[in-house]
Amino acid sequence: MRIGELAERTGVSTRSLRYYEKHGLLHARRASNGYRTYTEDDVRLVSEIRALLQIGFTLEETRPFVDCLRRGHSTGGSCAESVAVYERKLNEIDREIRVLLARRAEVAAQLAQSCPGCFVRG
């Protein structure tokens, strides 16, 4: 399939597909006319990249998942390298939550001091 069809099937722009290719996550083959061509495996790879990006992973963090799929695994998250990225991402999210909770507590304390009768949710 050509790049436009891959873009349509995965919901990713052709520009993004070229960007993934530039960063080594997607490998286009070239037809005799020079057009990029892709396979069904590329649909899976791009879908995996897209899903991970949507939940906050960076493009570089998707690499182990793509490599896992390329090695023939049924899911990109079934390899040790991918599991390690999941664990790092969860730790990162937990740190962000702690920072936000501390920030919220500080704002709530300042509100309570400035407005003793005000209701603070949560």
N, C-alpha and C. Protein backbone atom coordinates (compact mmCIF):
# COMPACT_ATOMS: atom_id res chain seq x y z
N MET A 1 0.85 -1.18 0.00
CA MET A 1 0.00 0.00 0.00
C MET A 1 0.89 1.23 0.00
N ARG A 2 0.35 2.33 -0.49
CA ARG A 2 1.10 3.58 -0.53
C ARG A 2 0.87 4.38 0.74
N ILE A 3 1.63 5.45 0.89
CA ILE A 3 1.63 6.21 2.12
C ILE A 3 0.25 6.80 2.45
N GLY A 4 -0.49 7.22 1.45
CA GLY A 4 -1.82 7.78 1.69
C GLY A 4 -2.77 6.76 2.29
N GLU A 5 -2.70 5.54 1.80
CA GLU A 5 -3.57 4.48 2.33
C GLU A 5 -3.17 4.14 3.76
N LEU A 6 -1.86 4.06 4.03
CA LEU A 6 -1.41 3.78 5.39
C LEU A 6 -1.87 4.88 6.33
N ALA A 7 -1.77 6.11 5.88
CA ALA A 7 -2.23 7.24 6.69
C ALA A 7 -3.72 7.13 6.98
N GLU A 8 -4.49 6.82 5.97
CA GLU A 8 -5.94 6.70 6.13
C GLU A 8 -6.30 5.55 7.07
N ARG A 9 -5.65 4.43 6.92
CA ARG A 9 -5.97 3.24 7.73
C ARG A 9 -5.55 3.38 9.18
N THR A 10 -4.56 4.21 9.45
CA THR A 10 -4.07 4.34 10.82
C THR A 10 -4.47 5.64 11.50
N GLY A 11 -5.04 6.56 10.74
CA GLY A 11 -5.43 7.85 11.31
C GLY A 11 -4.25 8.76 11.59
N VAL A 12 -3.15 8.54 10.90
CA VAL A 12 -1.93 9.32 11.08
C VAL A 12 -1.65 10.06 9.78
N SER A 13 -1.19 11.28 9.88
CA SER A 13 -0.91 12.05 8.67
C SER A 13 0.30 11.49 7.93
N THR A 14 0.36 11.76 6.63
CA THR A 14 1.51 11.33 5.86
C THR A 14 2.78 12.00 6.38
N ARG A 15 2.64 13.21 6.85
CA ARG A 15 3.78 13.92 7.43
C ARG A 15 4.32 13.17 8.65
N SER A 16 3.42 12.69 9.50
CA SER A 16 3.85 11.92 10.68
C SER A 16 4.52 10.62 10.26
N LEU A 17 3.97 9.97 9.24
CA LEU A 17 4.58 8.72 8.77
C LEU A 17 6.01 8.97 8.28
N ARG A 18 6.22 10.06 7.58
CA ARG A 18 7.57 10.39 7.12
C ARG A 18 8.48 10.70 8.32
N TYR A 19 7.92 11.32 9.33
CA TYR A 19 8.66 11.63 10.56
C TYR A 19 9.07 10.33 11.26
N TYR A 20 8.14 9.38 11.36
CA TYR A 20 8.47 8.08 11.96
C TYR A 20 9.58 7.40 11.17
N GLU A 21 9.50 7.52 9.86
CA GLU A 21 10.52 6.93 9.01
C GLU A 21 11.88 7.61 9.23
N LYS A 22 11.87 8.91 9.32
CA LYS A 22 13.09 9.68 9.56
C LYS A 22 13.78 9.24 10.86
N HIS A 23 12.97 8.87 11.85
CA HIS A 23 13.50 8.46 13.16
C HIS A 23 13.71 6.96 13.27
N GLY A 24 13.57 6.26 12.17
CA GLY A 24 13.89 4.84 12.14
C GLY A 24 12.85 3.91 12.71
N LEU A 25 11.65 4.41 12.96
CA LEU A 25 10.59 3.56 13.51
C LEU A 25 9.78 2.87 12.43
N LEU A 26 9.80 3.41 11.25
CA LEU A 26 9.06 2.88 10.12
C LEU A 26 10.01 2.80 8.94
N HIS A 27 9.98 1.67 8.25
CA HIS A 27 10.87 1.48 7.11
C HIS A 27 10.05 1.26 5.85
N ALA A 28 10.01 2.27 5.02
CA ALA A 28 9.28 2.15 3.76
C ALA A 28 10.14 1.43 2.73
N ARG A 29 9.48 0.64 1.93
CA ARG A 29 10.14 0.08 0.76
C ARG A 29 9.82 1.02 -0.39
N ARG A 30 10.59 0.95 -1.43
CA ARG A 30 10.34 1.82 -2.58
C ARG A 30 9.93 0.98 -3.78
N ALA A 31 8.85 1.40 -4.40
CA ALA A 31 8.40 0.76 -5.63
C ALA A 31 9.32 1.21 -6.76
N SER A 32 9.21 0.58 -7.91
CA SER A 32 10.05 0.93 -9.06
C SER A 32 9.88 2.39 -9.47
N ASN A 33 8.72 2.96 -9.17
CA ASN A 33 8.47 4.36 -9.50
C ASN A 33 8.96 5.31 -8.41
N GLY A 34 9.55 4.77 -7.34
CA GLY A 34 10.08 5.59 -6.26
C GLY A 34 9.11 5.85 -5.13
N TYR A 35 7.84 5.45 -5.27
CA TYR A 35 6.86 5.67 -4.22
C TYR A 35 7.14 4.77 -3.04
N ARG A 36 6.85 5.28 -1.85
CA ARG A 36 6.96 4.47 -0.65
C ARG A 36 5.85 3.41 -0.67
N THR A 37 6.20 2.20 -0.24
CA THR A 37 5.18 1.16 -0.11
C THR A 37 5.28 0.55 1.28
N TYR A 38 4.13 0.10 1.77
CA TYR A 38 4.02 -0.43 3.13
C TYR A 38 3.22 -1.72 3.12
N THR A 39 3.34 -2.47 4.20
CA THR A 39 2.63 -3.75 4.34
C THR A 39 1.66 -3.69 5.52
N GLU A 40 0.95 -4.77 5.71
CA GLU A 40 0.05 -4.89 6.87
C GLU A 40 0.82 -4.79 8.18
N ASP A 41 2.05 -5.29 8.20
CA ASP A 41 2.87 -5.17 9.41
C ASP A 41 3.09 -3.70 9.78
N ASP A 42 3.22 -2.86 8.78
CA ASP A 42 3.41 -1.43 9.04
C ASP A 42 2.16 -0.81 9.65
N VAL A 43 1.00 -1.31 9.30
CA VAL A 43 -0.24 -0.84 9.91
C VAL A 43 -0.19 -1.11 11.42
N ARG A 44 0.25 -2.31 11.79
CA ARG A 44 0.38 -2.65 13.22
C ARG A 44 1.39 -1.75 13.92
N LEU A 45 2.53 -1.53 13.27
CA LEU A 45 3.57 -0.70 13.88
C LEU A 45 3.07 0.73 14.11
N VAL A 46 2.47 1.31 13.09
CA VAL A 46 1.98 2.68 13.21
C VAL A 46 0.85 2.77 14.23
N SER A 47 0.00 1.78 14.27
CA SER A 47 -1.09 1.77 15.26
C SER A 47 -0.52 1.71 16.68
N GLU A 48 0.52 0.93 16.86
CA GLU A 48 1.18 0.84 18.17
C GLU A 48 1.81 2.18 18.55
N ILE A 49 2.51 2.78 17.62
CA ILE A 49 3.14 4.08 17.88
C ILE A 49 2.07 5.11 18.25
N ARG A 50 1.03 5.14 17.47
CA ARG A 50 -0.05 6.12 17.69
C ARG A 50 -0.70 5.93 19.05
N ALA A 51 -0.99 4.69 19.41
CA ALA A 51 -1.64 4.41 20.70
C ALA A 51 -0.75 4.84 21.86
N LEU A 52 0.54 4.58 21.76
CA LEU A 52 1.46 4.96 22.83
C LEU A 52 1.61 6.47 22.92
N LEU A 53 1.70 7.14 21.78
CA LEU A 53 1.80 8.60 21.79
C LEU A 53 0.57 9.23 22.43
N GLN A 54 -0.59 8.65 22.17
CA GLN A 54 -1.84 9.21 22.71
C GLN A 54 -1.92 9.12 24.22
N ILE A 55 -1.20 8.18 24.83
CA ILE A 55 -1.25 8.06 26.29
C ILE A 55 -0.02 8.67 26.96
N GLY A 56 0.75 9.44 26.20
CA GLY A 56 1.81 10.23 26.80
C GLY A 56 3.23 9.74 26.62
N PHE A 57 3.43 8.69 25.86
CA PHE A 57 4.79 8.23 25.59
C PHE A 57 5.43 9.15 24.57
N THR A 58 6.74 9.31 24.66
CA THR A 58 7.47 10.06 23.64
C THR A 58 7.71 9.14 22.45
N LEU A 59 8.08 9.73 21.35
CA LEU A 59 8.36 8.93 20.16
C LEU A 59 9.50 7.94 20.44
N GLU A 60 10.52 8.39 21.12
CA GLU A 60 11.65 7.50 21.43
C GLU A 60 11.23 6.36 22.35
N GLU A 61 10.31 6.63 23.25
CA GLU A 61 9.83 5.57 24.16
C GLU A 61 9.06 4.48 23.43
N THR A 62 8.58 4.76 22.22
CA THR A 62 7.84 3.74 21.46
C THR A 62 8.76 2.73 20.80
N ARG A 63 10.04 3.07 20.68
CA ARG A 63 10.99 2.22 19.94
C ARG A 63 11.02 0.76 20.42
N PRO A 64 11.10 0.48 21.72
CA PRO A 64 11.13 -0.93 22.14
C PRO A 64 9.86 -1.69 21.76
N PHE A 65 8.73 -1.01 21.73
CA PHE A 65 7.47 -1.64 21.36
C PHE A 65 7.47 -2.00 19.87
N VAL A 66 7.97 -1.08 19.06
CA VAL A 66 8.08 -1.31 17.62
C VAL A 66 9.05 -2.47 17.37
N ASP A 67 10.20 -2.43 18.04
CA ASP A 67 11.19 -3.51 17.87
C ASP A 67 10.60 -4.86 18.28
N CYS A 68 9.80 -4.86 19.32
CA CYS A 68 9.17 -6.10 19.80
C CYS A 68 8.23 -6.66 18.72
N LEU A 69 7.43 -5.79 18.13
CA LEU A 69 6.53 -6.24 17.06
C LEU A 69 7.33 -6.75 15.86
N ARG A 70 8.39 -6.05 15.54
CA ARG A 70 9.22 -6.47 14.40
C ARG A 70 9.84 -7.85 14.62
N ARG A 71 10.08 -8.20 15.88
CA ARG A 71 10.65 -9.51 16.18
C ARG A 71 9.60 -10.61 16.16
N GLY A 72 8.36 -10.25 15.84
CA GLY A 72 7.33 -11.25 15.66
C GLY A 72 6.42 -11.48 16.85
N HIS A 73 6.54 -10.68 17.88
CA HIS A 73 5.66 -10.84 19.04
C HIS A 73 4.26 -10.33 18.70
N SER A 74 3.27 -10.89 19.36
CA SER A 74 1.89 -10.53 19.06
C SER A 74 1.52 -9.14 19.55
N THR A 75 2.21 -8.66 20.59
CA THR A 75 1.98 -7.30 21.08
C THR A 75 3.33 -6.62 21.29
N GLY A 76 3.31 -5.32 21.18
CA GLY A 76 4.54 -4.57 21.36
C GLY A 76 5.00 -4.49 22.80
N GLY A 77 4.10 -4.78 23.72
CA GLY A 77 4.43 -4.70 25.13
C GLY A 77 4.86 -6.00 25.75
N SER A 78 5.07 -7.03 24.95
CA SER A 78 5.37 -8.35 25.52
C SER A 78 6.86 -8.65 25.65
N CYS A 79 7.71 -7.69 25.33
CA CYS A 79 9.16 -7.89 25.46
C CYS A 79 9.67 -7.19 26.72
N ALA A 80 10.76 -7.70 27.25
CA ALA A 80 11.33 -7.15 28.48
C ALA A 80 11.65 -5.66 28.36
N GLU A 81 12.14 -5.25 27.20
CA GLU A 81 12.48 -3.83 27.00
C GLU A 81 11.24 -2.96 27.08
N SER A 82 10.14 -3.45 26.54
CA SER A 82 8.88 -2.70 26.57
C SER A 82 8.34 -2.62 27.99
N VAL A 83 8.42 -3.73 28.70
CA VAL A 83 7.96 -3.75 30.09
C VAL A 83 8.75 -2.73 30.91
N ALA A 84 10.05 -2.64 30.66
CA ALA A 84 10.88 -1.67 31.38
C ALA A 84 10.42 -0.24 31.08
N VAL A 85 10.04 0.03 29.84
CA VAL A 85 9.54 1.37 29.49
C VAL A 85 8.21 1.63 30.19
N TYR A 86 7.32 0.63 30.20
CA TYR A 86 6.06 0.78 30.94
C TYR A 86 6.34 1.13 32.40
N GLU A 87 7.26 0.41 33.02
CA GLU A 87 7.57 0.65 34.44
C GLU A 87 8.13 2.05 34.65
N ARG A 88 9.05 2.48 33.78
CA ARG A 88 9.59 3.84 33.90
C ARG A 88 8.50 4.89 33.73
N LYS A 89 7.61 4.66 32.77
CA LYS A 89 6.53 5.62 32.53
C LYS A 89 5.59 5.69 33.73
N LEU A 90 5.27 4.55 34.31
CA LEU A 90 4.41 4.56 35.51
C LEU A 90 5.08 5.31 36.66
N ASN A 91 6.37 5.09 36.85
CA ASN A 91 7.10 5.82 37.89
C ASN A 91 7.08 7.32 37.62
N GLU A 92 7.25 7.70 36.37
CA GLU A 92 7.21 9.11 35.98
C GLU A 92 5.84 9.71 36.27
N ILE A 93 4.79 8.99 35.93
CA ILE A 93 3.42 9.46 36.18
C ILE A 93 3.17 9.58 37.68
N ASP A 94 3.64 8.60 38.45
CA ASP A 94 3.47 8.65 39.91
C ASP A 94 4.17 9.88 40.49
N ARG A 95 5.38 10.21 40.00
CA ARG A 95 6.08 11.41 40.45
C ARG A 95 5.28 12.66 40.10
N GLU A 96 4.74 12.71 38.90
CA GLU A 96 3.95 13.87 38.49
C GLU A 96 2.71 14.02 39.36
N ILE A 97 2.08 12.90 39.70
CA ILE A 97 0.89 12.94 40.57
C ILE A 97 1.27 13.48 41.94
N ARG A 98 2.40 13.01 42.49
CA ARG A 98 2.83 13.51 43.81
C ARG A 98 3.08 15.02 43.76
N VAL A 99 3.72 15.49 42.71
CA VAL A 99 3.98 16.92 42.57
C VAL A 99 2.66 17.69 42.49
N LEU A 100 1.73 17.20 41.71
CA LEU A 100 0.43 17.88 41.58
C LEU A 100 -0.34 17.87 42.90
N LEU A 101 -0.30 16.76 43.62
CA LEU A 101 -1.00 16.70 44.92
C LEU A 101 -0.38 17.68 45.91
N ALA A 102 0.94 17.78 45.93
CA ALA A 102 1.60 18.74 46.82
C ALA A 102 1.24 20.17 46.43
N ARG A 103 1.22 20.44 45.14
CA ARG A 103 0.86 21.77 44.65
C ARG A 103 -0.59 22.09 45.01
N ARG A 104 -1.46 21.11 44.87
CA ARG A 104 -2.86 21.31 45.20
C ARG A 104 -3.03 21.61 46.68
N ALA A 105 -2.32 20.86 47.52
CA ALA A 105 -2.40 21.07 48.97
C ALA A 105 -1.94 22.49 49.33
N GLU A 106 -0.90 22.96 48.68
CA GLU A 106 -0.40 24.31 48.94
C GLU A 106 -1.42 25.36 48.53
N VAL A 107 -2.02 25.20 47.37
CA VAL A 107 -3.04 26.15 46.91
C VAL A 107 -4.25 26.11 47.85
N ALA A 108 -4.66 24.92 48.25
CA ALA A 108 -5.80 24.79 49.18
C ALA A 108 -5.49 25.47 50.51
N ALA A 109 -4.25 25.30 50.99
CA ALA A 109 -3.86 25.95 52.26
C ALA A 109 -3.88 27.46 52.12
N GLN A 110 -3.40 27.97 50.99
CA GLN A 110 -3.42 29.42 50.78
C GLN A 110 -4.85 29.94 50.67
N LEU A 111 -5.72 29.17 50.03
CA LEU A 111 -7.13 29.56 49.94
C LEU A 111 -7.76 29.57 51.32
N ALA A 112 -7.50 28.55 52.10
CA ALA A 112 -8.07 28.48 53.46
C ALA A 112 -7.59 29.65 54.31
N GLN A 113 -6.35 30.04 54.14
CA GLN A 113 -5.81 31.18 54.90
C GLN A 113 -6.43 32.49 54.44
N SER A 114 -6.62 32.62 53.13
CA SER A 114 -7.17 33.87 52.58
C SER A 114 -8.66 33.97 52.74
N CYS A 115 -9.32 32.83 52.76
CA CYS A 115 -10.78 32.81 52.79
C CYS A 115 -11.22 31.69 53.74
N PRO A 116 -11.19 31.91 55.05
CA PRO A 116 -11.45 30.84 56.01
C PRO A 116 -12.77 30.10 55.82
N GLY A 117 -13.79 30.72 55.29
CA GLY A 117 -15.07 30.06 55.12
C GLY A 117 -15.26 29.40 53.76
N CYS A 118 -14.26 29.53 52.89
CA CYS A 118 -14.40 28.99 51.54
C CYS A 118 -14.30 27.46 51.56
N PHE A 119 -15.04 26.85 50.68
CA PHE A 119 -15.05 25.39 50.56
C PHE A 119 -13.94 24.93 49.63
N VAL A 120 -13.13 23.99 50.09
CA VAL A 120 -12.09 23.41 49.26
C VAL A 120 -12.47 21.98 48.95
N ARG A 121 -12.70 21.66 47.68
CA ARG A 121 -13.08 20.30 47.28
C ARG A 121 -11.89 19.36 47.34
N GLY A 122 -12.21 18.11 47.56
CA GLY A 122 -11.25 17.09 47.34
C GLY A 122 -10.47 16.57 48.42
